Amino acid sequence: MSARTTRPCFCEPGPGLLGRAGFTLLEVMIAVGIIAIALVTLLGAQSQSVSIAAAARFDTTAALLAQGKMAELCVQGFEGVSDGEGDFGEDYPGFTWKVEVRELTVDEIGLEGLAGMLKAVDLVVRSRDDEERACALRTFLLKDFQAAP
C-alpha cells in the first residue's frame, strides 16, 4: 500500500476564497479611473513647468539685452541719445528693442535750475513671438556742463 500525498491545487478556490478568484469589473474600472486622474494631474504640472521655464528664459535674456542696450545708449551721452528701434541681430533673432527719449520739464523735475538738463530714456525689449512679453528699463541722463572760467 503506497502512501499517496495530495498537493494543494491553486487553480480552484479554497474554502476561504470561494467566489473571489479575481478582480471584478468595477474594481478594475475604479483602479483605471484613479490612474487616469493621476496622469492628468502629472501632465498638467509638466505643461505648467514648461511654460514657467520659457517665461524665465525670456525674462533672463531680455533683462541682459536691455541692460546691454541701455549701456550703449548711456555711452552716447546726453546730446547723442535719440529715439529709435531695432533688433539684436542674428544672435538674438526673437527680440526687438525700442527707445523713447524725452527732455523732462520743470514740473516733472521739481527744480527750476535743471530745466533742459535732464532726459528720460525709456527702453523696452520685446519678444517677436509674444508681444505681451516685455522688459522695460528707464534711466535719466544729466547734461554735461562745464563750469564758467
N, C-alpha and C. Protein backbone atom coordinates (compact mmCIF):
# COMPACT_ATOMS: atom_id res chain seq x y z
N MET A 1 0.82 -1.15 0.00
CA MET A 1 0.00 0.00 0.00
C MET A 1 0.89 1.24 0.00
N SER A 2 0.70 2.04 -0.94
CA SER A 2 1.55 3.21 -1.03
C SER A 2 0.82 4.41 -0.44
N ALA A 3 1.60 5.23 0.18
CA ALA A 3 1.02 6.43 0.79
C ALA A 3 0.92 7.51 -0.28
N ARG A 4 -0.21 7.93 -0.51
CA ARG A 4 -0.41 8.94 -1.53
C ARG A 4 -0.62 10.30 -0.86
N THR A 5 0.19 11.24 -1.27
CA THR A 5 0.04 12.59 -0.71
C THR A 5 -0.61 13.47 -1.76
N THR A 6 -1.42 14.33 -1.29
CA THR A 6 -2.07 15.25 -2.23
C THR A 6 -1.46 16.63 -2.06
N ARG A 7 -1.25 17.27 -3.16
CA ARG A 7 -0.74 18.64 -3.15
C ARG A 7 -1.91 19.58 -3.34
N PRO A 8 -1.83 20.73 -2.69
CA PRO A 8 -2.94 21.67 -2.88
C PRO A 8 -2.92 22.23 -4.30
N CYS A 9 -4.06 22.42 -4.87
CA CYS A 9 -4.20 22.98 -6.21
C CYS A 9 -4.62 24.44 -6.07
N PHE A 10 -3.88 25.30 -6.71
CA PHE A 10 -4.17 26.73 -6.64
C PHE A 10 -5.14 27.17 -7.74
N CYS A 11 -5.55 26.23 -8.55
CA CYS A 11 -6.45 26.55 -9.64
C CYS A 11 -7.89 26.70 -9.16
N GLU A 12 -8.19 25.99 -8.15
CA GLU A 12 -9.55 26.01 -7.65
C GLU A 12 -9.61 26.82 -6.37
N PRO A 13 -10.69 27.57 -6.19
CA PRO A 13 -10.79 28.35 -4.96
C PRO A 13 -10.89 27.46 -3.75
N GLY A 14 -10.19 27.86 -2.72
CA GLY A 14 -10.24 27.13 -1.47
C GLY A 14 -11.48 27.49 -0.68
N PRO A 15 -11.59 26.96 0.49
CA PRO A 15 -12.80 27.23 1.26
C PRO A 15 -12.95 28.70 1.65
N GLY A 16 -11.84 29.43 1.86
CA GLY A 16 -11.95 30.84 2.24
C GLY A 16 -12.03 31.77 1.04
N LEU A 17 -11.72 31.26 -0.15
CA LEU A 17 -11.69 32.08 -1.35
C LEU A 17 -12.85 31.79 -2.29
N LEU A 18 -13.84 31.18 -1.80
CA LEU A 18 -14.96 30.77 -2.63
C LEU A 18 -15.59 31.98 -3.31
N GLY A 19 -15.57 32.03 -4.62
CA GLY A 19 -16.17 33.11 -5.39
C GLY A 19 -15.29 34.34 -5.55
N ARG A 20 -14.03 34.34 -5.08
CA ARG A 20 -13.13 35.50 -5.14
C ARG A 20 -11.85 35.15 -5.89
N ALA A 21 -11.95 34.59 -7.06
CA ALA A 21 -10.79 34.15 -7.81
C ALA A 21 -10.09 35.29 -8.53
N GLY A 22 -10.71 36.49 -8.74
CA GLY A 22 -10.10 37.60 -9.46
C GLY A 22 -10.75 38.91 -9.08
N PHE A 23 -10.39 39.94 -9.86
CA PHE A 23 -10.96 41.27 -9.62
C PHE A 23 -12.28 41.39 -10.38
N THR A 24 -13.17 42.14 -9.81
CA THR A 24 -14.42 42.39 -10.52
C THR A 24 -14.20 43.54 -11.50
N LEU A 25 -15.11 43.67 -12.44
CA LEU A 25 -15.02 44.73 -13.43
C LEU A 25 -15.07 46.10 -12.76
N LEU A 26 -15.87 46.24 -11.73
CA LEU A 26 -15.98 47.50 -11.01
C LEU A 26 -14.65 47.87 -10.35
N GLU A 27 -13.96 46.94 -9.76
CA GLU A 27 -12.66 47.22 -9.14
C GLU A 27 -11.62 47.64 -10.18
N VAL A 28 -11.63 47.01 -11.33
CA VAL A 28 -10.69 47.36 -12.41
C VAL A 28 -10.99 48.77 -12.92
N MET A 29 -12.28 49.09 -13.09
CA MET A 29 -12.65 50.42 -13.58
C MET A 29 -12.27 51.52 -12.58
N ILE A 30 -12.42 51.26 -11.31
CA ILE A 30 -12.02 52.24 -10.30
C ILE A 30 -10.51 52.44 -10.32
N ALA A 31 -9.74 51.38 -10.44
CA ALA A 31 -8.27 51.49 -10.50
C ALA A 31 -7.83 52.27 -11.74
N VAL A 32 -8.46 52.01 -12.88
CA VAL A 32 -8.12 52.74 -14.10
C VAL A 32 -8.48 54.21 -13.96
N GLY A 33 -9.61 54.50 -13.32
CA GLY A 33 -10.01 55.90 -13.09
C GLY A 33 -9.02 56.63 -12.21
N ILE A 34 -8.53 55.99 -11.16
CA ILE A 34 -7.54 56.62 -10.27
C ILE A 34 -6.24 56.88 -11.03
N ILE A 35 -5.81 55.94 -11.84
CA ILE A 35 -4.59 56.12 -12.63
C ILE A 35 -4.77 57.25 -13.64
N ALA A 36 -5.94 57.34 -14.27
CA ALA A 36 -6.19 58.41 -15.24
C ALA A 36 -6.15 59.77 -14.57
N ILE A 37 -6.74 59.92 -13.40
CA ILE A 37 -6.71 61.19 -12.68
C ILE A 37 -5.28 61.57 -12.32
N ALA A 38 -4.49 60.60 -11.88
CA ALA A 38 -3.09 60.88 -11.53
C ALA A 38 -2.29 61.32 -12.76
N LEU A 39 -2.50 60.67 -13.90
CA LEU A 39 -1.77 61.02 -15.12
C LEU A 39 -2.16 62.42 -15.62
N VAL A 40 -3.44 62.76 -15.56
CA VAL A 40 -3.87 64.09 -15.98
C VAL A 40 -3.24 65.16 -15.11
N THR A 41 -3.18 64.92 -13.82
CA THR A 41 -2.55 65.87 -12.90
C THR A 41 -1.06 66.02 -13.20
N LEU A 42 -0.38 64.93 -13.44
CA LEU A 42 1.05 64.99 -13.75
C LEU A 42 1.32 65.69 -15.07
N LEU A 43 0.51 65.44 -16.08
CA LEU A 43 0.70 66.10 -17.37
C LEU A 43 0.42 67.60 -17.27
N GLY A 44 -0.56 67.99 -16.47
CA GLY A 44 -0.84 69.40 -16.26
C GLY A 44 0.32 70.10 -15.57
N ALA A 45 0.90 69.44 -14.58
CA ALA A 45 2.06 70.02 -13.89
C ALA A 45 3.26 70.13 -14.84
N GLN A 46 3.45 69.15 -15.71
CA GLN A 46 4.56 69.20 -16.67
C GLN A 46 4.37 70.36 -17.64
N SER A 47 3.16 70.54 -18.13
CA SER A 47 2.88 71.62 -19.06
C SER A 47 3.12 72.98 -18.41
N GLN A 48 2.69 73.11 -17.17
CA GLN A 48 2.89 74.37 -16.45
C GLN A 48 4.38 74.65 -16.23
N SER A 49 5.14 73.63 -15.91
CA SER A 49 6.57 73.85 -15.68
C SER A 49 7.30 74.24 -16.96
N VAL A 50 6.84 73.73 -18.11
CA VAL A 50 7.46 74.12 -19.39
C VAL A 50 7.18 75.60 -19.67
N SER A 51 5.96 76.07 -19.43
CA SER A 51 5.65 77.48 -19.69
C SER A 51 6.37 78.39 -18.70
N ILE A 52 6.53 77.96 -17.47
CA ILE A 52 7.28 78.75 -16.49
C ILE A 52 8.75 78.84 -16.89
N ALA A 53 9.30 77.75 -17.39
CA ALA A 53 10.71 77.75 -17.84
C ALA A 53 10.90 78.69 -19.03
N ALA A 54 9.94 78.71 -19.95
CA ALA A 54 10.03 79.61 -21.11
C ALA A 54 9.96 81.06 -20.67
N ALA A 55 9.08 81.36 -19.72
CA ALA A 55 8.97 82.73 -19.22
C ALA A 55 10.25 83.14 -18.49
N ALA A 56 10.82 82.25 -17.72
CA ALA A 56 12.07 82.57 -17.02
C ALA A 56 13.22 82.80 -18.00
N ARG A 57 13.26 82.01 -19.07
CA ARG A 57 14.30 82.20 -20.08
C ARG A 57 14.15 83.56 -20.75
N PHE A 58 12.90 83.95 -21.09
CA PHE A 58 12.67 85.26 -21.69
C PHE A 58 13.08 86.37 -20.73
N ASP A 59 12.65 86.27 -19.47
CA ASP A 59 12.97 87.32 -18.51
C ASP A 59 14.48 87.51 -18.35
N THR A 60 15.20 86.42 -18.29
CA THR A 60 16.66 86.50 -18.13
C THR A 60 17.33 87.10 -19.36
N THR A 61 16.98 86.58 -20.53
CA THR A 61 17.61 87.06 -21.76
C THR A 61 17.23 88.50 -22.05
N ALA A 62 15.96 88.86 -21.89
CA ALA A 62 15.52 90.23 -22.17
C ALA A 62 16.16 91.22 -21.21
N ALA A 63 16.30 90.85 -19.95
CA ALA A 63 16.93 91.76 -18.99
C ALA A 63 18.39 92.00 -19.34
N LEU A 64 19.10 90.97 -19.74
CA LEU A 64 20.51 91.14 -20.12
C LEU A 64 20.64 91.96 -21.40
N LEU A 65 19.78 91.71 -22.38
CA LEU A 65 19.82 92.50 -23.62
C LEU A 65 19.47 93.97 -23.34
N ALA A 66 18.48 94.20 -22.49
CA ALA A 66 18.09 95.57 -22.16
C ALA A 66 19.22 96.29 -21.43
N GLN A 67 19.87 95.60 -20.53
CA GLN A 67 20.98 96.21 -19.80
C GLN A 67 22.12 96.58 -20.76
N GLY A 68 22.43 95.70 -21.69
CA GLY A 68 23.49 95.99 -22.66
C GLY A 68 23.12 97.15 -23.57
N LYS A 69 21.87 97.19 -24.03
CA LYS A 69 21.44 98.28 -24.91
C LYS A 69 21.42 99.60 -24.16
N MET A 70 20.99 99.58 -22.90
CA MET A 70 20.98 100.81 -22.10
C MET A 70 22.39 101.32 -21.88
N ALA A 71 23.34 100.42 -21.71
CA ALA A 71 24.74 100.85 -21.56
C ALA A 71 25.23 101.53 -22.84
N GLU A 72 24.84 100.98 -24.01
CA GLU A 72 25.21 101.63 -25.28
C GLU A 72 24.62 103.04 -25.38
N LEU A 73 23.38 103.18 -24.96
CA LEU A 73 22.73 104.49 -25.02
C LEU A 73 23.38 105.49 -24.07
N CYS A 74 23.75 105.05 -22.90
CA CYS A 74 24.38 105.95 -21.92
C CYS A 74 25.75 106.41 -22.40
N VAL A 75 26.45 105.56 -23.13
CA VAL A 75 27.76 105.93 -23.66
C VAL A 75 27.61 107.04 -24.70
N GLN A 76 26.49 107.07 -25.43
CA GLN A 76 26.26 108.11 -26.42
C GLN A 76 26.15 109.49 -25.77
N GLY A 77 25.77 109.53 -24.52
CA GLY A 77 25.71 110.80 -23.81
C GLY A 77 24.41 111.55 -24.02
N PHE A 78 24.29 112.67 -23.33
CA PHE A 78 23.08 113.48 -23.32
C PHE A 78 22.71 113.96 -24.71
N GLU A 79 23.67 114.44 -25.45
CA GLU A 79 23.39 115.02 -26.78
C GLU A 79 23.21 113.94 -27.84
N GLY A 80 23.85 112.80 -27.69
CA GLY A 80 23.84 111.78 -28.74
C GLY A 80 22.66 110.82 -28.69
N VAL A 81 22.01 110.69 -27.55
CA VAL A 81 20.93 109.71 -27.41
C VAL A 81 19.67 110.24 -28.09
N SER A 82 18.96 109.33 -28.81
CA SER A 82 17.73 109.73 -29.50
C SER A 82 16.79 108.53 -29.60
N ASP A 83 15.57 108.81 -30.03
CA ASP A 83 14.58 107.74 -30.22
C ASP A 83 15.07 106.77 -31.29
N GLY A 84 14.61 105.53 -31.17
CA GLY A 84 14.97 104.54 -32.18
C GLY A 84 14.38 103.19 -31.85
N GLU A 85 14.52 102.29 -32.80
CA GLU A 85 14.09 100.91 -32.58
C GLU A 85 14.88 100.00 -33.50
N GLY A 86 14.89 98.73 -33.13
CA GLY A 86 15.64 97.77 -33.94
C GLY A 86 15.58 96.39 -33.33
N ASP A 87 16.50 95.55 -33.79
CA ASP A 87 16.59 94.20 -33.23
C ASP A 87 18.02 93.93 -32.78
N PHE A 88 18.24 92.73 -32.29
CA PHE A 88 19.56 92.39 -31.76
C PHE A 88 20.35 91.51 -32.72
N GLY A 89 19.97 91.52 -33.97
CA GLY A 89 20.73 90.79 -34.99
C GLY A 89 20.50 89.30 -34.98
N GLU A 90 21.42 88.59 -35.60
CA GLU A 90 21.32 87.14 -35.75
C GLU A 90 21.54 86.41 -34.43
N ASP A 91 22.22 87.05 -33.49
CA ASP A 91 22.48 86.38 -32.21
C ASP A 91 21.19 86.18 -31.41
N TYR A 92 20.29 87.14 -31.46
CA TYR A 92 19.03 87.08 -30.72
C TYR A 92 17.89 87.48 -31.67
N PRO A 93 17.52 86.60 -32.60
CA PRO A 93 16.53 86.98 -33.61
C PRO A 93 15.11 87.16 -33.08
N GLY A 94 14.82 86.64 -31.92
CA GLY A 94 13.47 86.72 -31.39
C GLY A 94 13.19 87.95 -30.55
N PHE A 95 14.12 88.91 -30.51
CA PHE A 95 13.98 90.07 -29.63
C PHE A 95 14.10 91.37 -30.41
N THR A 96 13.29 92.35 -30.04
CA THR A 96 13.36 93.70 -30.62
C THR A 96 13.46 94.71 -29.49
N TRP A 97 13.91 95.92 -29.81
CA TRP A 97 14.01 96.98 -28.81
C TRP A 97 13.45 98.27 -29.37
N LYS A 98 13.01 99.12 -28.46
CA LYS A 98 12.51 100.44 -28.83
C LYS A 98 12.90 101.42 -27.74
N VAL A 99 13.44 102.58 -28.16
CA VAL A 99 13.89 103.61 -27.22
C VAL A 99 13.08 104.88 -27.44
N GLU A 100 12.63 105.46 -26.36
CA GLU A 100 11.96 106.76 -26.40
C GLU A 100 12.72 107.69 -25.46
N VAL A 101 13.13 108.84 -25.98
CA VAL A 101 13.89 109.82 -25.20
C VAL A 101 13.08 111.11 -25.14
N ARG A 102 12.99 111.69 -23.97
CA ARG A 102 12.30 112.98 -23.85
C ARG A 102 12.97 113.81 -22.77
N GLU A 103 12.98 115.10 -23.01
CA GLU A 103 13.51 116.02 -22.00
C GLU A 103 12.46 116.24 -20.93
N LEU A 104 12.91 116.25 -19.71
CA LEU A 104 11.99 116.45 -18.60
C LEU A 104 11.72 117.94 -18.40
N THR A 105 10.48 118.24 -18.07
CA THR A 105 10.10 119.62 -17.84
C THR A 105 10.34 120.01 -16.39
N VAL A 106 10.23 121.31 -16.11
CA VAL A 106 10.42 121.81 -14.75
C VAL A 106 9.38 121.20 -13.82
N ASP A 107 8.15 121.02 -14.32
CA ASP A 107 7.10 120.43 -13.49
C ASP A 107 7.43 118.98 -13.11
N GLU A 108 8.04 118.24 -14.01
CA GLU A 108 8.39 116.85 -13.73
C GLU A 108 9.59 116.75 -12.80
N ILE A 109 10.54 117.67 -12.95
CA ILE A 109 11.76 117.63 -12.14
C ILE A 109 11.51 118.20 -10.75
N GLY A 110 10.84 119.34 -10.73
CA GLY A 110 10.59 119.99 -9.44
C GLY A 110 11.66 121.00 -9.06
N LEU A 111 12.68 121.15 -9.90
CA LEU A 111 13.77 122.09 -9.64
C LEU A 111 13.94 122.99 -10.86
N GLU A 112 13.82 124.27 -10.67
CA GLU A 112 13.88 125.20 -11.80
C GLU A 112 15.27 125.27 -12.43
N GLY A 113 16.28 125.08 -11.68
CA GLY A 113 17.63 125.20 -12.20
C GLY A 113 18.04 124.07 -13.14
N LEU A 114 17.26 122.98 -13.18
CA LEU A 114 17.62 121.84 -14.02
C LEU A 114 16.80 121.76 -15.30
N ALA A 115 16.07 122.80 -15.64
CA ALA A 115 15.25 122.78 -16.85
C ALA A 115 16.14 122.57 -18.08
N GLY A 116 15.77 121.58 -18.91
CA GLY A 116 16.53 121.28 -20.12
C GLY A 116 17.83 120.55 -19.87
N MET A 117 18.05 120.10 -18.65
CA MET A 117 19.32 119.41 -18.35
C MET A 117 19.14 117.93 -18.05
N LEU A 118 17.90 117.44 -18.03
CA LEU A 118 17.64 116.03 -17.75
C LEU A 118 16.81 115.42 -18.87
N LYS A 119 17.19 114.21 -19.27
CA LYS A 119 16.42 113.44 -20.25
C LYS A 119 16.04 112.10 -19.62
N ALA A 120 14.82 111.69 -19.90
CA ALA A 120 14.38 110.34 -19.51
C ALA A 120 14.55 109.43 -20.72
N VAL A 121 15.20 108.32 -20.52
CA VAL A 121 15.43 107.34 -21.59
C VAL A 121 14.67 106.08 -21.21
N ASP A 122 13.64 105.75 -22.01
CA ASP A 122 12.83 104.54 -21.78
C ASP A 122 13.15 103.52 -22.86
N LEU A 123 13.53 102.33 -22.41
CA LEU A 123 13.89 101.23 -23.32
C LEU A 123 12.97 100.06 -23.05
N VAL A 124 12.42 99.50 -24.11
CA VAL A 124 11.56 98.31 -23.99
C VAL A 124 12.11 97.23 -24.91
N VAL A 125 12.34 96.05 -24.36
CA VAL A 125 12.77 94.88 -25.14
C VAL A 125 11.59 93.93 -25.19
N ARG A 126 11.21 93.52 -26.39
CA ARG A 126 10.04 92.65 -26.58
C ARG A 126 10.43 91.37 -27.31
N SER A 127 9.57 90.39 -27.15
CA SER A 127 9.69 89.14 -27.90
C SER A 127 8.90 89.28 -29.19
N ARG A 128 9.47 88.82 -30.29
CA ARG A 128 8.72 88.85 -31.56
C ARG A 128 7.58 87.84 -31.55
N ASP A 129 7.76 86.75 -30.82
CA ASP A 129 6.75 85.69 -30.79
C ASP A 129 5.54 86.07 -29.95
N ASP A 130 5.78 86.80 -28.87
CA ASP A 130 4.71 87.14 -27.94
C ASP A 130 4.85 88.61 -27.56
N GLU A 131 4.06 89.47 -28.18
CA GLU A 131 4.18 90.92 -27.97
C GLU A 131 3.86 91.34 -26.54
N GLU A 132 3.17 90.50 -25.78
CA GLU A 132 2.84 90.86 -24.41
C GLU A 132 4.04 90.74 -23.48
N ARG A 133 5.00 89.94 -23.86
CA ARG A 133 6.20 89.79 -23.03
C ARG A 133 7.14 90.94 -23.33
N ALA A 134 7.52 91.65 -22.29
CA ALA A 134 8.40 92.81 -22.47
C ALA A 134 9.21 93.04 -21.21
N CYS A 135 10.36 93.66 -21.40
CA CYS A 135 11.23 94.08 -20.29
C CYS A 135 11.49 95.56 -20.52
N ALA A 136 11.15 96.38 -19.54
CA ALA A 136 11.28 97.84 -19.69
C ALA A 136 12.29 98.38 -18.68
N LEU A 137 13.11 99.30 -19.16
CA LEU A 137 14.08 100.00 -18.31
C LEU A 137 13.94 101.50 -18.52
N ARG A 138 14.22 102.25 -17.47
CA ARG A 138 14.23 103.71 -17.58
C ARG A 138 15.46 104.23 -16.84
N THR A 139 16.12 105.17 -17.47
CA THR A 139 17.23 105.85 -16.82
C THR A 139 17.14 107.34 -17.15
N PHE A 140 17.90 108.12 -16.43
CA PHE A 140 17.91 109.57 -16.62
C PHE A 140 19.34 110.00 -16.94
N LEU A 141 19.45 110.86 -17.93
CA LEU A 141 20.77 111.38 -18.32
C LEU A 141 20.83 112.85 -17.97
N LEU A 142 21.92 113.25 -17.35
CA LEU A 142 22.15 114.64 -16.98
C LEU A 142 23.09 115.25 -18.01
N LYS A 143 22.76 116.44 -18.45
CA LYS A 143 23.57 117.14 -19.44
C LYS A 143 24.93 117.47 -18.84
N ASP A 144 25.96 117.21 -19.64
CA ASP A 144 27.31 117.58 -19.19
C ASP A 144 27.42 119.10 -19.24
N PHE A 145 27.86 119.66 -18.16
CA PHE A 145 28.04 121.11 -18.17
C PHE A 145 29.42 121.42 -17.62
N GLN A 146 29.96 122.50 -18.10
CA GLN A 146 31.29 122.89 -17.66
C GLN A 146 31.15 124.18 -16.90
N ALA A 147 31.92 124.28 -15.86
CA ALA A 147 31.90 125.50 -15.04
C ALA A 147 32.54 126.64 -15.81
N ALA A 148 31.97 127.81 -15.63
CA ALA A 148 32.50 129.00 -16.30
C ALA A 148 33.86 129.35 -15.70
N PRO A 149 34.83 129.76 -16.53
CA PRO A 149 36.18 130.06 -16.01
C PRO A 149 36.21 131.33 -15.20
